[in-house]
Amino acid sequence: MKMAATFQSEKEFREMKGRLDALGLAYELISPAPGYALVGEPALVMDGETRMALFRRAGVEIPCSGWVEHRPSKIPIPGEDPPRFAEQPFIRAAITLLAPCVADPTKIRILADVSGDMGAVFPYLNTEMKEVFYNPQGQTLTFMEDYRMICLTPRGIAVAKADEIVDAWRVLEMISRRVNETWARRHEIEPSYEMRKKPPALEIYKRLPRTNCRSCGEATCLAFAVKVHAGELPVSLCTPVFEGEFQRFKDALLEICAGLGV
């Protein structure tokens, strides 16, 4: 099985590539340039034997954002440079975490730091995007792109259920363009500070044991999910997930709650 890694910085990428070259180990390189050059560093792909040889012969752990199973992308890298704007709340992105998606291991999840500050754009995006979930107090903006869940903070992005690394770059570039284009047109848009309803509590319920054990104090798991969704109860009250026999659900439950801002 081939594995892929990407990097938070050009320095980290060059360090791993340099070690591979020095050791004569085979790898594939996937470049985000030119179209996604501002939202990611290149990815390196290698088989398990090469990866083990790299760690064994290099003698140290080489920093990277994480490893995921490599799946060839069906998405072409755009052949043109990303657009530039006079003012850019979103300047660049750096992927700080790359990992398999907890809820669906065939997908990946990423965390990315953004250079710039997107917070001032959120009220305008809240007007423009009808299916967005804006929390002005928590400074988060959550929305879906097909089956992908995306959560923005002023200087960060979380994406769950991206198909693979190139798809993650595509999503980050889409966010960059939407943020910068909306900011460029802000004088034409009436900002909205309305907190719209969150996605259904059913998404939380799907990730609970659904045994209706009442350890949380509620009569059913669905009733508990509704109160967690409303911010009335902490999700950690589900002791079977956090302390008992259903701890395998914990990561998926925390992931959906983080995505929903609860």
Protein backbone atom coordinates (compact mmCIF):
# COMPACT_ATOMS: atom_id res chain seq x y z
CA MET A 1 0.00 0.00 0.00
CA LYS A 2 1.32 3.42 -0.93
CA MET A 3 1.22 6.23 1.62
CA ALA A 4 1.23 9.98 1.01
CA ALA A 5 2.50 12.81 3.19
CA THR A 6 2.33 16.56 2.86
CA PHE A 7 3.96 19.35 4.81
CA GLN A 8 3.34 22.53 6.73
CA SER A 9 6.29 24.35 5.18
CA GLU A 10 8.65 24.23 2.22
CA LYS A 11 11.49 23.55 4.68
CA GLU A 12 9.83 20.33 5.91
CA PHE A 13 9.15 19.22 2.33
CA ARG A 14 12.73 19.84 1.23
CA GLU A 15 14.10 18.04 4.28
CA MET A 16 12.18 14.83 3.56
CA LYS A 17 12.82 15.00 -0.19
CA GLY A 18 16.51 15.59 0.46
CA ARG A 19 16.71 12.54 2.74
CA LEU A 20 14.97 10.36 0.17
CA ASP A 21 17.31 11.55 -2.59
CA ALA A 22 20.40 11.09 -0.43
CA LEU A 23 19.37 7.53 0.45
CA GLY A 24 18.44 6.68 -3.14
CA LEU A 25 14.86 5.80 -2.19
CA ALA A 26 12.06 5.89 -4.75
CA TYR A 27 9.09 8.21 -4.39
CA GLU A 28 6.48 10.10 -6.38
CA LEU A 29 5.98 13.84 -6.09
CA ILE A 30 2.60 15.55 -6.44
CA SER A 31 2.93 19.30 -6.87
CA PRO A 32 0.12 21.77 -6.15
CA ALA A 33 1.63 24.29 -8.59
CA PRO A 34 0.56 26.34 -10.28
CA GLY A 35 -3.16 26.40 -9.48
CA TYR A 36 -3.00 25.33 -5.83
CA ALA A 37 0.46 26.70 -5.02
CA LEU A 38 -0.84 29.07 -2.32
CA VAL A 39 -2.74 26.44 -0.35
CA GLY A 40 -0.29 23.57 0.03
CA GLU A 41 3.21 22.19 -0.19
CA PRO A 42 3.99 19.25 -2.49
CA ALA A 43 3.04 15.74 -1.40
CA LEU A 44 5.42 12.78 -1.42
CA VAL A 45 4.13 9.28 -2.14
CA MET A 46 6.00 6.07 -1.31
CA ASP A 47 5.32 2.44 -0.54
CA GLY A 48 5.48 1.02 2.97
CA GLU A 49 8.92 -0.51 2.48
CA THR A 50 10.39 2.81 1.37
CA ARG A 51 8.76 4.62 4.28
CA MET A 52 10.21 2.14 6.78
CA ALA A 53 13.64 2.37 5.14
CA LEU A 54 13.50 6.16 5.34
CA PHE A 55 12.78 6.15 9.07
CA ARG A 56 15.29 3.38 9.77
CA ARG A 57 18.16 4.83 7.76
CA ALA A 58 17.51 8.51 8.46
CA GLY A 59 17.62 7.77 12.18
CA VAL A 60 15.16 10.53 13.07
CA GLU A 61 11.49 11.28 12.58
CA ILE A 62 11.20 13.77 9.73
CA PRO A 63 8.44 16.35 10.33
CA CYS A 64 5.35 16.26 8.13
CA SER A 65 1.65 17.07 8.48
CA GLY A 66 0.70 13.39 8.53
CA TRP A 67 0.32 10.24 6.44
CA VAL A 68 -2.70 8.86 4.60
CA GLU A 69 -3.28 6.04 2.16
CA HIS A 70 -2.49 7.31 -1.33
CA ARG A 71 -5.42 7.43 -3.73
CA PRO A 72 -4.70 8.78 -7.23
CA SER A 73 -6.66 11.94 -7.87
CA LYS A 74 -9.10 12.44 -10.71
CA ILE A 75 -8.78 16.21 -10.32
CA PRO A 76 -6.35 18.02 -12.63
CA ILE A 77 -4.17 20.74 -11.11
CA PRO A 78 -5.23 24.07 -12.68
CA GLY A 79 -2.66 25.33 -15.14
CA GLU A 80 -2.99 28.98 -14.16
CA ASP A 81 -1.76 30.83 -11.09
CA PRO A 82 -4.39 31.65 -8.43
CA PRO A 83 -6.03 35.08 -8.83
CA ARG A 84 -4.69 38.04 -6.87
CA PHE A 85 -6.81 40.64 -5.10
CA ALA A 86 -6.01 44.15 -3.92
CA GLU A 87 -6.94 43.12 -0.36
CA GLN A 88 -6.63 39.49 0.66
CA PRO A 89 -8.03 38.32 4.01
CA PHE A 90 -6.91 34.85 2.88
CA ILE A 91 -3.27 35.02 1.75
CA ARG A 92 -1.87 31.50 2.04
CA ALA A 93 -2.76 28.21 3.72
CA ALA A 94 -0.49 25.65 5.36
CA ILE A 95 -1.79 22.14 6.11
CA THR A 96 -0.86 21.36 9.72
CA LEU A 97 -2.70 18.03 10.04
CA LEU A 98 -3.32 15.32 7.46
CA ALA A 99 -5.09 12.17 8.69
CA PRO A 100 -7.71 9.59 7.73
CA CYS A 101 -11.25 10.79 8.36
CA VAL A 102 -12.56 9.20 11.55
CA ALA A 103 -16.15 8.93 10.33
CA ASP A 104 -15.14 7.49 6.93
CA PRO A 105 -11.63 5.95 6.64
CA THR A 106 -11.84 6.09 2.83
CA LYS A 107 -11.71 9.90 3.09
CA ILE A 108 -9.19 12.27 4.67
CA ARG A 109 -9.38 15.22 7.04
CA ILE A 110 -7.11 18.23 7.27
CA LEU A 111 -6.46 21.22 9.47
CA ALA A 112 -4.88 24.28 7.88
CA ASP A 113 -3.52 27.55 9.22
CA VAL A 114 -4.33 30.65 7.19
CA SER A 115 -2.05 33.65 6.90
CA GLY A 116 -4.40 36.61 7.00
CA ASP A 117 -7.60 37.08 8.98
CA MET A 118 -10.93 35.89 7.55
CA GLY A 119 -13.05 36.89 10.55
CA ALA A 120 -14.28 40.19 9.12
CA VAL A 121 -15.55 38.40 6.00
CA PHE A 122 -17.83 35.97 7.88
CA PRO A 123 -20.88 38.29 8.14
CA TYR A 124 -20.71 38.88 4.38
CA LEU A 125 -20.38 35.16 3.66
CA ASN A 126 -23.33 34.62 6.00
CA THR A 127 -25.40 36.79 3.66
CA GLU A 128 -24.08 35.27 0.44
CA MET A 129 -24.15 31.58 1.43
CA LYS A 130 -27.66 30.40 2.27
CA GLU A 131 -26.65 27.02 3.73
CA VAL A 132 -24.01 28.30 6.14
CA PHE A 133 -24.00 28.07 9.94
CA TYR A 134 -22.49 31.19 11.46
CA ASN A 135 -21.63 31.59 15.13
CA PRO A 136 -20.67 35.25 15.67
CA GLN A 137 -19.74 34.67 19.33
CA GLY A 138 -17.49 31.72 18.59
CA GLN A 139 -16.23 33.23 15.33
CA THR A 140 -16.90 30.06 13.32
CA LEU A 141 -18.51 29.51 9.94
CA THR A 142 -19.54 25.95 9.05
CA PHE A 143 -20.92 24.68 5.76
CA MET A 144 -21.09 21.61 3.54
CA GLU A 145 -19.62 21.17 0.08
CA ASP A 146 -21.36 18.04 -1.17
CA TYR A 147 -20.45 15.50 1.56
CA ARG A 148 -17.45 17.48 2.85
CA MET A 149 -17.86 19.38 6.11
CA ILE A 150 -15.89 22.63 6.33
CA CYS A 151 -15.41 24.81 9.40
CA LEU A 152 -13.69 28.20 9.22
CA THR A 153 -12.22 30.23 12.06
CA PRO A 154 -10.54 33.60 11.44
CA ARG A 155 -7.13 31.98 10.94
CA GLY A 156 -7.91 28.32 10.44
CA ILE A 157 -9.78 25.75 8.37
CA ALA A 158 -10.96 22.21 9.18
CA VAL A 159 -12.10 19.96 6.34
CA ALA A 160 -13.61 16.52 6.89
CA LYS A 161 -14.27 13.90 4.19
CA ALA A 162 -12.02 15.25 1.44
CA ASP A 163 -11.38 12.56 -1.17
CA GLU A 164 -7.57 12.80 -1.18
CA ILE A 165 -4.80 15.41 -1.02
CA VAL A 166 -5.49 17.12 -4.35
CA ASP A 167 -9.17 17.37 -3.42
CA ALA A 168 -8.13 18.98 -0.11
CA TRP A 169 -6.04 21.55 -2.04
CA ARG A 170 -9.02 22.20 -4.30
CA VAL A 171 -11.27 22.86 -1.30
CA LEU A 172 -8.72 25.24 0.26
CA GLU A 173 -8.36 27.15 -3.02
CA MET A 174 -12.16 27.33 -3.35
CA ILE A 175 -12.35 28.84 0.15
CA SER A 176 -9.55 31.29 -0.66
CA ARG A 177 -11.33 32.54 -3.77
CA ARG A 178 -14.72 32.77 -2.08
CA VAL A 179 -13.32 34.68 0.90
CA ASN A 180 -11.27 37.11 -1.19
CA GLU A 181 -13.95 37.65 -3.85
CA THR A 182 -16.61 38.29 -1.19
CA TRP A 183 -14.35 40.77 0.59
CA ALA A 184 -13.69 42.58 -2.70
CA ARG A 185 -17.49 42.99 -3.14
CA ARG A 186 -18.29 43.77 0.49
CA HIS A 187 -19.58 47.27 -0.35
CA GLU A 188 -22.36 45.62 -2.38
CA ILE A 189 -23.37 43.18 0.39
CA GLU A 190 -25.40 43.79 3.55
CA PRO A 191 -23.58 41.85 6.31
CA SER A 192 -25.65 39.45 8.40
CA TYR A 193 -24.82 38.64 12.02
CA GLU A 194 -27.73 36.20 12.31
CA MET A 195 -26.96 32.83 13.85
CA ARG A 196 -28.93 30.40 11.75
CA LYS A 197 -29.94 26.98 12.99
CA LYS A 198 -27.24 24.35 13.06
CA PRO A 199 -27.28 21.11 11.08
CA PRO A 200 -29.65 18.48 12.46
CA ALA A 201 -28.98 16.90 15.84
CA LEU A 202 -29.39 13.64 13.93
CA GLU A 203 -25.74 13.92 12.86
CA ILE A 204 -24.73 13.74 16.54
CA TYR A 205 -27.25 10.97 17.23
CA LYS A 206 -25.77 8.82 14.44
CA ARG A 207 -22.45 8.80 16.31
CA LEU A 208 -23.89 7.81 19.71
CA PRO A 209 -24.27 4.18 20.90
CA ARG A 210 -28.10 4.48 20.60
CA THR A 211 -28.65 2.11 23.53
CA ASN A 212 -30.77 4.58 25.52
CA CYS A 213 -28.81 3.70 28.67
CA ARG A 214 -29.73 7.01 30.41
CA SER A 215 -26.24 7.49 31.88
CA CYS A 216 -26.38 11.08 30.60
CA GLY A 217 -29.63 11.71 32.49
CA GLU A 218 -31.81 11.80 29.37
CA ALA A 219 -34.45 9.23 28.49
CA THR A 220 -33.03 8.48 25.03
CA CYS A 221 -29.88 9.00 23.00
CA LEU A 222 -31.89 11.17 20.61
CA ALA A 223 -33.00 13.46 23.44
CA PHE A 224 -29.37 13.74 24.54
CA ALA A 225 -28.26 14.57 20.97
CA VAL A 226 -30.85 17.34 20.75
CA LYS A 227 -29.59 18.92 23.98
CA VAL A 228 -25.93 18.63 22.94
CA HIS A 229 -26.86 20.21 19.61
CA ALA A 230 -28.60 23.07 21.44
CA GLY A 231 -25.60 23.61 23.71
CA GLU A 232 -27.54 22.58 26.82
CA LEU A 233 -25.41 19.52 27.69
CA PRO A 234 -21.74 18.63 27.13
CA VAL A 235 -21.18 15.65 24.87
CA SER A 236 -18.78 14.19 27.47
CA LEU A 237 -21.81 13.15 29.56
CA CYS A 238 -22.10 10.11 27.28
CA THR A 239 -20.00 7.92 29.59
CA PRO A 240 -20.25 4.74 27.45
CA VAL A 241 -18.38 6.63 24.70
CA PHE A 242 -15.91 8.50 26.89
CA GLU A 243 -15.26 5.85 29.55
CA GLY A 244 -17.03 2.62 28.62
CA GLU A 245 -17.45 -0.02 25.95
CA PHE A 246 -18.18 2.38 23.08
CA GLN A 247 -14.95 4.38 23.17
CA ARG A 248 -14.42 3.51 19.50
CA PHE A 249 -17.13 6.12 18.76
CA LYS A 250 -15.30 8.90 20.61
CA ASP A 251 -13.21 10.38 17.78
CA ALA A 252 -16.12 10.43 15.32
CA LEU A 253 -18.39 12.03 17.92
CA LEU A 254 -15.85 14.72 18.80
CA GLU A 255 -15.19 15.35 15.11
CA ILE A 256 -18.84 16.03 14.27
CA CYS A 257 -19.31 18.19 17.38
CA ALA A 258 -16.25 20.26 16.47
CA GLY A 259 -17.55 20.66 12.94
CA LEU A 260 -20.92 21.83 14.24
CA GLY A 261 -19.33 24.20 16.74
CA VAL A 262 -20.84 22.52 19.83
